Amino acid sequence: MMKDISKIKDCRRCSLYKNQLPLLDNIKDIDVMWVGLSAKEVNDIDKNIPLENNTNSGRIIEKIENNFDDISFYKTNLVKCLPLDSNKKLRYPTKKEIDMCINNLLYEISYFKPRVIFLLGNKVSSYVEKYLKMRIDEQGLKGFLSGGQLYTLVRRPKSVRTKRVVIENQKLVTDARKVPAKIKKEKAELDKKTKANSKSNSNTKTNTNSKSKKLNIKS
């Protein structure tokens, strides 16, 4: 188990690191996580970060983030390194490459414990669904709550450029503040229900024992 998120930079599970070492954000305390598909080529692996504003996704993310001074954002990718084809051009990562890298993302989620996780596109969403064994709302934007975290799908690239998507996702970021309170309330309700069931089972057991004793006396 890694003790520091920077250890991901040492990942050599597949050969993509030969194209470019794993690209990570430098934020340490986060509320919201953005997850893209794979890294893009950068000038400086130590200074650049994932999903910068020179990408389509990065531009929409920047528009949303600029509306929040009190929320910390972290950007990452499903595949941390740079997938290139034989002509050294950017390509989609293969299933095997994603399989090799998914544990890095799961570790980031476990390490940072973000309140809301935005999955950028169907490819990212489908792989996260597979490995977390859950199903995110097909309509997107509504999200799926799991383990105290809200996962939500942002479709791209066309819809991600619309004003509606910006507004919808700004609302989800705003709602991120409510996630801990919602989890606390749900946990309290679950504890109350569990306690009531336990008491009910205890009473049933007591009544059964009492009947047994009466039967023993008669015999």
Protein backbone atom coordinates (compact mmCIF):
# COMPACT_ATOMS: atom_id res chain seq x y z
CA MET A 1 0.00 0.00 0.00
CA MET A 2 1.35 3.42 -0.95
CA LYS A 3 1.68 5.94 1.87
CA ASP A 4 2.12 8.98 -0.35
CA ILE A 5 0.25 9.87 -3.53
CA SER A 6 3.51 10.92 -5.18
CA LYS A 7 4.53 7.25 -5.25
CA ILE A 8 2.23 6.88 -8.24
CA LYS A 9 4.96 8.65 -10.22
CA ASP A 10 7.10 5.55 -9.69
CA CYS A 11 4.53 3.32 -11.42
CA ARG A 12 6.02 1.08 -14.11
CA ARG A 13 3.21 -1.46 -14.47
CA CYS A 14 2.98 -0.93 -18.23
CA SER A 15 5.26 0.54 -20.89
CA LEU A 16 3.45 3.89 -21.21
CA TYR A 17 5.81 5.48 -18.71
CA LYS A 18 8.44 5.39 -21.48
CA ASN A 19 6.35 7.97 -23.38
CA GLN A 20 5.83 10.20 -20.35
CA LEU A 21 5.96 9.59 -16.61
CA PRO A 22 2.68 9.60 -14.65
CA LEU A 23 1.13 13.08 -14.56
CA LEU A 24 -0.35 14.16 -11.20
CA ASP A 25 -1.97 17.23 -9.69
CA ASN A 26 -0.21 18.91 -6.78
CA ILE A 27 -3.27 19.58 -4.60
CA LYS A 28 -3.14 17.82 -1.22
CA ASP A 29 -6.50 18.55 0.42
CA ILE A 30 -9.49 18.22 -1.89
CA ASP A 31 -13.30 18.38 -2.01
CA VAL A 32 -13.92 17.59 -5.68
CA MET A 33 -12.08 15.27 -8.08
CA TRP A 34 -12.18 15.44 -11.88
CA VAL A 35 -11.28 12.22 -13.75
CA GLY A 36 -10.36 12.32 -17.44
CA LEU A 37 -9.39 9.41 -19.68
CA SER A 38 -5.63 9.72 -20.12
CA ALA A 39 -2.73 12.14 -19.84
CA LYS A 40 -1.81 14.54 -22.61
CA GLU A 41 1.74 15.46 -23.59
CA VAL A 42 3.18 18.22 -21.38
CA ASN A 43 6.36 20.28 -21.35
CA ASP A 44 7.29 19.70 -17.71
CA ILE A 45 6.05 16.66 -15.80
CA ASP A 46 6.80 18.41 -12.48
CA LYS A 47 5.06 21.70 -13.28
CA ASN A 48 2.16 20.74 -15.54
CA ILE A 49 -0.95 18.98 -14.20
CA PRO A 50 -3.76 16.87 -15.73
CA LEU A 51 -6.72 18.49 -17.50
CA GLU A 52 -5.19 21.93 -17.97
CA ASN A 53 -7.10 24.64 -19.82
CA ASN A 54 -5.45 23.84 -23.16
CA THR A 55 -7.82 20.83 -23.44
CA ASN A 56 -11.61 20.84 -24.06
CA SER A 57 -12.33 19.27 -20.70
CA GLY A 58 -9.83 21.55 -18.97
CA ARG A 59 -11.55 24.67 -20.28
CA ILE A 60 -14.98 23.65 -19.01
CA ILE A 61 -13.47 22.63 -15.67
CA GLU A 62 -11.80 26.02 -15.34
CA LYS A 63 -15.12 27.79 -15.95
CA ILE A 64 -16.73 25.80 -13.15
CA GLU A 65 -13.83 26.08 -10.70
CA ASN A 66 -13.63 29.86 -11.10
CA ASN A 67 -17.00 30.15 -9.36
CA PHE A 68 -15.77 28.55 -6.13
CA ASP A 69 -13.18 30.06 -3.82
CA ASP A 70 -13.96 27.81 -0.85
CA ILE A 71 -13.78 24.42 -2.60
CA SER A 72 -10.57 22.60 -3.46
CA PHE A 73 -10.38 20.71 -6.78
CA TYR A 74 -8.09 17.88 -7.88
CA LYS A 75 -7.61 16.80 -11.48
CA THR A 76 -6.47 13.35 -12.58
CA ASN A 77 -6.86 10.75 -15.33
CA LEU A 78 -7.87 7.12 -15.52
CA VAL A 79 -4.51 6.47 -17.22
CA LYS A 80 -1.73 8.61 -15.78
CA CYS A 81 0.80 8.22 -18.58
CA LEU A 82 0.74 9.17 -22.26
CA PRO A 83 -0.68 6.62 -24.75
CA LEU A 84 0.92 7.06 -28.17
CA ASP A 85 0.55 5.09 -31.39
CA SER A 86 3.39 3.92 -33.64
CA ASN A 87 3.49 7.39 -35.21
CA LYS A 88 3.88 9.03 -31.79
CA LYS A 89 0.36 10.46 -31.95
CA LEU A 90 -2.05 10.48 -29.04
CA ARG A 91 -4.47 7.53 -29.00
CA TYR A 92 -7.08 6.03 -26.67
CA PRO A 93 -5.60 3.80 -23.95
CA THR A 94 -6.22 0.06 -24.36
CA LYS A 95 -8.26 -2.04 -21.93
CA LYS A 96 -5.03 -3.65 -20.72
CA GLU A 97 -3.46 -0.25 -20.02
CA ILE A 98 -6.54 0.86 -18.10
CA ASP A 99 -6.53 -2.41 -16.15
CA MET A 100 -2.91 -1.74 -15.24
CA CYS A 101 -3.61 1.82 -14.08
CA ILE A 102 -7.03 1.62 -12.42
CA ASN A 103 -5.54 0.87 -8.99
CA ASN A 104 -3.76 4.21 -9.09
CA LEU A 105 -7.10 5.99 -9.45
CA LEU A 106 -8.74 3.88 -6.76
CA TYR A 107 -5.84 4.72 -4.48
CA GLU A 108 -6.25 8.46 -5.19
CA ILE A 109 -9.95 8.21 -4.31
CA SER A 110 -9.18 6.29 -1.11
CA TYR A 111 -6.32 8.63 -0.18
CA PHE A 112 -8.10 11.96 -0.74
CA LYS A 113 -11.70 10.91 0.00
CA PRO A 114 -13.28 13.62 -2.22
CA ARG A 115 -16.92 14.50 -1.66
CA VAL A 116 -17.78 14.53 -5.38
CA ILE A 117 -16.06 12.71 -8.25
CA PHE A 118 -16.78 13.89 -11.79
CA LEU A 119 -16.17 11.18 -14.41
CA LEU A 120 -15.53 12.84 -17.77
CA GLY A 121 -17.11 10.74 -20.49
CA ASN A 122 -18.65 7.31 -20.95
CA LYS A 123 -15.33 5.46 -21.24
CA VAL A 124 -14.17 6.70 -17.84
CA SER A 125 -17.57 6.13 -16.28
CA SER A 126 -17.92 2.56 -17.58
CA TYR A 127 -14.52 1.48 -16.26
CA VAL A 128 -15.10 3.04 -12.84
CA GLU A 129 -18.52 1.37 -12.70
CA LYS A 130 -16.90 -1.96 -13.49
CA TYR A 131 -14.22 -1.77 -10.83
CA LEU A 132 -16.37 -0.26 -8.09
CA LYS A 133 -19.24 -2.59 -9.01
CA MET A 134 -21.87 0.14 -9.14
CA ARG A 135 -24.12 1.80 -11.69
CA ILE A 136 -24.11 5.54 -12.31
CA ASP A 137 -27.33 7.24 -13.40
CA GLU A 138 -27.64 6.87 -17.19
CA GLN A 139 -28.83 10.46 -17.48
CA GLY A 140 -25.65 11.72 -15.84
CA LEU A 141 -25.49 14.87 -13.74
CA LYS A 142 -27.60 13.33 -10.97
CA GLY A 143 -24.82 11.14 -9.65
CA PHE A 144 -24.55 8.00 -7.55
CA LEU A 145 -23.71 8.03 -3.85
CA SER A 146 -21.31 5.34 -2.66
CA GLY A 147 -19.22 5.15 0.49
CA GLY A 148 -19.79 8.80 1.33
CA GLN A 149 -18.84 9.99 -2.14
CA LEU A 150 -20.99 11.25 -5.00
CA TYR A 151 -19.95 9.90 -8.41
CA THR A 152 -21.41 11.64 -11.42
CA LEU A 153 -21.00 11.34 -15.19
CA VAL A 154 -20.26 14.36 -17.39
CA ARG A 155 -20.84 13.53 -21.03
CA ARG A 156 -18.43 14.90 -23.62
CA PRO A 157 -17.24 16.40 -25.87
CA LYS A 158 -20.26 18.21 -27.40
CA SER A 159 -22.52 18.50 -24.35
CA VAL A 160 -19.65 19.50 -22.11
CA ARG A 161 -19.38 22.82 -23.95
CA THR A 162 -22.93 23.95 -23.27
CA LYS A 163 -23.95 26.53 -20.70
CA ARG A 164 -26.48 24.10 -19.25
CA VAL A 165 -23.76 21.58 -18.38
CA VAL A 166 -21.72 24.30 -16.67
CA ILE A 167 -24.72 25.34 -14.57
CA GLU A 168 -25.72 21.74 -13.76
CA ASN A 169 -22.22 20.83 -12.62
CA GLN A 170 -21.80 24.04 -10.66
CA LYS A 171 -24.89 22.95 -8.72
CA LEU A 172 -23.33 19.55 -8.02
CA VAL A 173 -20.17 21.22 -6.75
CA THR A 174 -22.30 23.44 -4.53
CA ASP A 175 -24.12 20.34 -3.26
CA ALA A 176 -20.74 18.83 -2.38
CA ARG A 177 -20.88 20.86 0.82
CA LYS A 178 -23.97 18.89 1.83
CA VAL A 179 -22.56 15.41 1.20
CA PRO A 180 -20.95 14.90 4.67
CA ALA A 181 -24.16 16.04 6.39
CA LYS A 182 -26.23 13.73 4.20
CA ILE A 183 -23.97 10.77 5.03
CA LYS A 184 -24.15 11.59 8.74
CA LYS A 185 -27.96 11.72 8.58
CA GLU A 186 -28.18 8.44 6.64
CA LYS A 187 -25.79 6.75 9.08
CA ALA A 188 -27.85 7.97 12.06
CA GLU A 189 -31.03 6.62 10.46
CA LEU A 190 -29.33 3.29 9.72
CA ASP A 191 -27.99 3.03 13.29
CA LYS A 192 -31.46 3.78 14.64
CA LYS A 193 -33.01 1.12 12.41
CA THR A 194 -30.31 -1.41 13.33
CA LYS A 195 -30.83 -0.69 17.04
CA ALA A 196 -34.60 -1.11 16.68
CA ASN A 197 -34.16 -4.43 14.84
CA SER A 198 -31.69 -5.61 17.47
CA LYS A 199 -34.15 -4.73 20.25
CA SER A 200 -36.97 -6.48 18.40
CA ASN A 201 -34.84 -9.62 17.95
CA SER A 202 -33.87 -9.49 21.63
CA ASN A 203 -37.51 -9.28 22.71
CA THR A 204 -38.41 -12.18 20.43
CA LYS A 205 -35.60 -14.26 21.92
CA THR A 206 -36.71 -13.40 25.47
CA ASN A 207 -40.31 -14.41 24.74
CA THR A 208 -39.12 -17.68 23.20
CA ASN A 209 -36.99 -18.47 26.25
CA SER A 210 -39.91 -17.72 28.56
CA LYS A 211 -42.16 -20.13 26.67
CA SER A 212 -39.47 -22.78 26.79
CA LYS A 213 -39.15 -22.42 30.55
CA LYS A 214 -42.92 -22.79 30.98
CA LEU A 215 -42.90 -25.95 28.92
CA ASN A 216 -40.05 -27.35 31.00
CA ILE A 217 -41.94 -26.66 34.24
CA LYS A 218 -45.03 -28.46 32.98
CA SER A 219 -43.03 -31.47 31.97
